């Protein structure tokens, strides 16, 4: 059994939205944090909490939370922070493209930060390195000027 949930916490000017799932493991209910969305002004930062993002159900839960967040908040930018991620399935590329399509309806941007060189190769092989802008960390992505 899997139950989706999210928690929203407001702290100063930052807002955190954790997306989680609750799974049954050996008869016990276990809560697992998949990631979080942090907002700073009109920028949303999606941070993954797992080093491997390959579970189809986890990616679907994540996509649903991101889509709902975009619908409710219309951020001008979404930064996907891959710091600490060592592996992801091709479905994550689909998630990025879906997010880009949602934001493009009102000229929003999707940026990628903290990605390791092995994962960056996936973007190069698929030519998605021509679609997304990459930054070494979220701070540098936050500082860049919006594309027009």
Protein backbone atom coordinates (compact mmCIF):
# COMPACT_ATOMS: atom_id res chain seq x y z
CA UNK A 1 0.00 0.00 0.00
CA UNK A 2 1.31 3.45 -0.92
CA UNK A 3 -0.17 6.68 0.34
CA UNK A 4 0.96 10.02 -1.05
CA UNK A 5 1.25 13.00 1.19
CA UNK A 6 3.01 16.27 1.45
CA UNK A 7 3.77 18.63 4.27
CA UNK A 8 4.02 22.34 3.86
CA UNK A 9 6.12 24.41 6.25
CA UNK A 10 6.52 28.17 6.17
CA UNK A 11 9.70 29.59 7.60
CA UNK A 12 10.74 33.21 7.07
CA UNK A 13 10.39 33.85 3.32
CA UNK A 14 10.99 30.20 2.38
CA UNK A 15 8.25 27.68 1.93
CA UNK A 16 8.99 23.97 1.92
CA UNK A 17 6.73 21.33 0.50
CA UNK A 18 7.92 17.79 1.14
CA UNK A 19 6.54 15.03 -1.04
CA UNK A 20 6.48 11.66 0.61
CA UNK A 21 5.00 8.26 0.35
CA UNK A 22 3.99 5.84 3.04
CA UNK A 23 4.73 2.22 2.32
CA UNK A 24 4.07 -0.97 4.17
CA UNK A 25 7.33 -2.73 4.96
CA UNK A 26 7.24 -6.01 6.83
CA UNK A 27 3.87 -5.14 8.31
CA UNK A 28 4.95 -1.66 9.43
CA UNK A 29 4.00 1.63 7.84
CA UNK A 30 7.15 3.52 6.85
CA UNK A 31 7.24 7.14 5.68
CA UNK A 32 9.78 7.90 2.98
CA UNK A 33 10.63 11.43 1.84
CA UNK A 34 11.10 11.57 -1.92
CA UNK A 35 11.99 15.24 -2.17
CA UNK A 36 10.94 18.76 -1.45
CA UNK A 37 9.99 21.96 -3.19
CA UNK A 38 11.39 25.14 -1.69
CA UNK A 39 10.27 28.56 -2.86
CA UNK A 40 12.23 31.75 -2.77
CA UNK A 41 10.16 34.55 -4.24
CA UNK A 42 9.01 33.44 -7.69
CA UNK A 43 11.56 30.61 -7.91
CA UNK A 44 10.84 27.01 -6.95
CA UNK A 45 13.69 24.60 -6.17
CA UNK A 46 12.96 20.88 -6.48
CA UNK A 47 15.43 18.88 -4.40
CA UNK A 48 15.58 15.10 -4.58
CA UNK A 49 16.23 13.22 -1.35
CA UNK A 50 17.27 9.91 -2.88
CA UNK A 51 20.52 9.11 -4.67
CA UNK A 52 18.71 6.86 -7.15
CA UNK A 53 15.52 8.04 -8.84
CA UNK A 54 14.26 5.06 -10.76
CA UNK A 55 11.05 3.84 -9.12
CA UNK A 56 8.17 4.54 -11.52
CA UNK A 57 5.74 5.13 -8.67
CA UNK A 58 8.11 7.59 -6.94
CA UNK A 59 8.55 9.55 -10.16
CA UNK A 60 4.78 9.64 -10.72
CA UNK A 61 4.20 10.91 -7.17
CA UNK A 62 6.92 13.53 -7.68
CA UNK A 63 5.46 14.60 -11.05
CA UNK A 64 2.01 14.97 -9.52
CA UNK A 65 3.26 17.16 -6.69
CA UNK A 66 5.30 19.34 -9.04
CA UNK A 67 2.38 19.75 -11.47
CA UNK A 68 0.03 20.71 -8.62
CA UNK A 69 2.60 23.13 -7.22
CA UNK A 70 3.03 24.81 -10.62
CA UNK A 71 -0.72 25.04 -11.12
CA UNK A 72 -1.23 26.62 -7.68
CA UNK A 73 1.82 28.92 -7.62
CA UNK A 74 2.95 29.63 -11.22
CA UNK A 75 6.66 30.09 -10.40
CA UNK A 76 8.74 31.96 -12.98
CA UNK A 77 11.52 29.42 -12.58
CA UNK A 78 11.86 25.85 -11.43
CA UNK A 79 15.36 24.70 -10.53
CA UNK A 80 15.85 20.94 -10.36
CA UNK A 81 18.66 20.29 -7.89
CA UNK A 82 20.36 16.95 -8.61
CA UNK A 83 23.06 17.34 -5.95
CA UNK A 84 23.61 13.88 -4.46
CA UNK A 85 21.73 12.04 -7.22
CA UNK A 86 23.87 9.28 -8.73
CA UNK A 87 21.32 7.61 -10.99
CA UNK A 88 17.96 8.39 -12.58
CA UNK A 89 15.75 6.66 -15.09
CA UNK A 90 14.70 8.18 -18.39
CA UNK A 91 11.34 9.00 -16.81
CA UNK A 92 13.07 11.83 -14.96
CA UNK A 93 13.88 13.40 -18.33
CA UNK A 94 10.17 13.18 -19.10
CA UNK A 95 9.42 14.90 -15.80
CA UNK A 96 11.76 17.76 -16.71
CA UNK A 97 10.20 18.10 -20.17
CA UNK A 98 6.66 18.05 -18.72
CA UNK A 99 7.64 20.76 -16.26
CA UNK A 100 9.19 22.81 -19.05
CA UNK A 101 5.99 22.49 -21.11
CA UNK A 102 3.88 23.66 -18.15
CA UNK A 103 6.07 26.69 -17.53
CA UNK A 104 6.42 27.60 -21.21
CA UNK A 105 2.72 28.51 -21.32
CA UNK A 106 3.63 31.65 -19.34
CA UNK A 107 7.34 31.99 -20.30
CA UNK A 108 8.72 30.25 -17.21
CA UNK A 109 12.16 28.61 -17.15
CA UNK A 110 13.46 25.22 -16.02
CA UNK A 111 17.08 25.09 -14.84
CA UNK A 112 19.19 22.12 -13.76
CA UNK A 113 21.76 22.35 -10.98
CA UNK A 114 24.22 20.12 -9.17
CA UNK A 115 24.24 17.33 -11.74
CA UNK A 116 27.24 15.01 -11.79
CA UNK A 117 29.23 14.48 -15.02
CA UNK A 118 27.92 10.94 -15.63
CA UNK A 119 24.31 12.12 -15.51
CA UNK A 120 25.13 15.17 -17.61
CA UNK A 121 26.22 12.75 -20.34
CA UNK A 122 22.61 11.52 -20.55
CA UNK A 123 21.51 15.06 -21.38
CA UNK A 124 24.24 15.32 -24.04
CA UNK A 125 23.38 11.98 -25.65
CA UNK A 126 19.70 12.96 -25.87
CA UNK A 127 20.55 16.53 -26.97
CA UNK A 128 18.66 17.85 -23.95
CA UNK A 129 21.78 19.80 -23.04
CA UNK A 130 20.54 22.15 -25.78
CA UNK A 131 17.15 22.49 -24.08
CA UNK A 132 18.08 23.09 -20.43
CA UNK A 133 20.56 25.44 -18.79
CA UNK A 134 22.95 23.80 -16.31
CA UNK A 135 24.56 25.28 -13.20
CA UNK A 136 27.03 23.84 -10.69
CA UNK A 137 24.72 24.64 -7.75
CA UNK A 138 21.37 26.22 -6.93
CA UNK A 139 22.97 29.48 -5.80
CA UNK A 140 24.46 30.14 -9.24
CA UNK A 141 21.18 29.14 -10.90
CA UNK A 142 19.33 31.62 -8.68
CA UNK A 143 21.70 34.44 -9.69
CA UNK A 144 21.35 34.03 -13.44
CA UNK A 145 19.12 36.43 -15.35
CA UNK A 146 15.86 35.12 -16.75
CA UNK A 147 15.85 34.26 -20.43
CA UNK A 148 13.33 36.14 -22.54
